[in-house]
Amino acid sequence: RVSQERAAEIAGMNRSDFMLAISRLGVSPFQYDYEDVLEEVENVG
């Protein structure tokens, strides 16, 4: 995994501009895998 900060750095942008750019492309800034979702559900329940 790559953090948002690192991804922005790789793209040559600051984090704010990077977040705006991916939003315009319809890409969610949140990336969850199956285990992450299960953990969140268990913590809520």
Protein backbone atom coordinates (compact mmCIF):
# COMPACT_ATOMS: atom_id res chain seq x y z
CA ARG A 1 0.00 0.00 0.00
CA VAL A 2 1.00 3.57 -0.61
CA SER A 3 -0.18 6.39 1.63
CA GLN A 4 -2.03 9.33 0.13
CA GLU A 5 0.89 11.56 1.06
CA ARG A 6 3.37 9.27 -0.73
CA ALA A 7 1.10 8.91 -3.77
CA ALA A 8 0.86 12.70 -4.00
CA GLU A 9 4.65 12.95 -3.78
CA ILE A 10 5.06 10.36 -6.55
CA ALA A 11 2.59 12.35 -8.69
CA GLY A 12 4.53 15.56 -8.04
CA MET A 13 1.61 17.19 -6.20
CA ASN A 14 0.77 18.29 -2.71
CA ARG A 15 -1.79 16.13 -0.91
CA SER A 16 -4.67 18.59 -1.38
CA ASP A 17 -4.16 18.83 -5.13
CA PHE A 18 -3.77 15.07 -5.36
CA MET A 19 -7.06 14.50 -3.52
CA LEU A 20 -8.83 16.93 -5.85
CA ALA A 21 -7.32 15.24 -8.90
CA ILE A 22 -8.38 11.73 -7.93
CA SER A 23 -11.83 13.02 -7.01
CA ARG A 24 -12.22 14.49 -10.49
CA LEU A 25 -11.30 11.09 -11.91
CA GLY A 26 -13.93 9.37 -9.78
CA VAL A 27 -11.37 7.54 -7.66
CA SER A 28 -12.22 7.08 -4.00
CA PRO A 29 -9.50 8.17 -1.57
CA PHE A 30 -10.51 5.27 0.67
CA GLN A 31 -9.14 1.85 -0.18
CA TYR A 32 -10.43 -0.98 1.96
CA ASP A 33 -9.80 -4.66 1.56
CA TYR A 34 -12.07 -7.40 2.87
CA GLU A 35 -10.22 -7.73 6.18
CA ASP A 36 -10.41 -3.97 6.82
CA VAL A 37 -14.17 -4.00 6.32
CA LEU A 38 -14.62 -7.00 8.62
CA GLU A 39 -12.55 -5.33 11.32
CA GLU A 40 -14.61 -2.13 11.08
CA VAL A 41 -17.87 -4.08 11.29
CA GLU A 42 -16.63 -5.99 14.33
CA ASN A 43 -15.59 -2.76 16.04
CA VAL A 44 -19.00 -1.17 15.47
CA GLY A 45 -21.04 -4.18 16.52
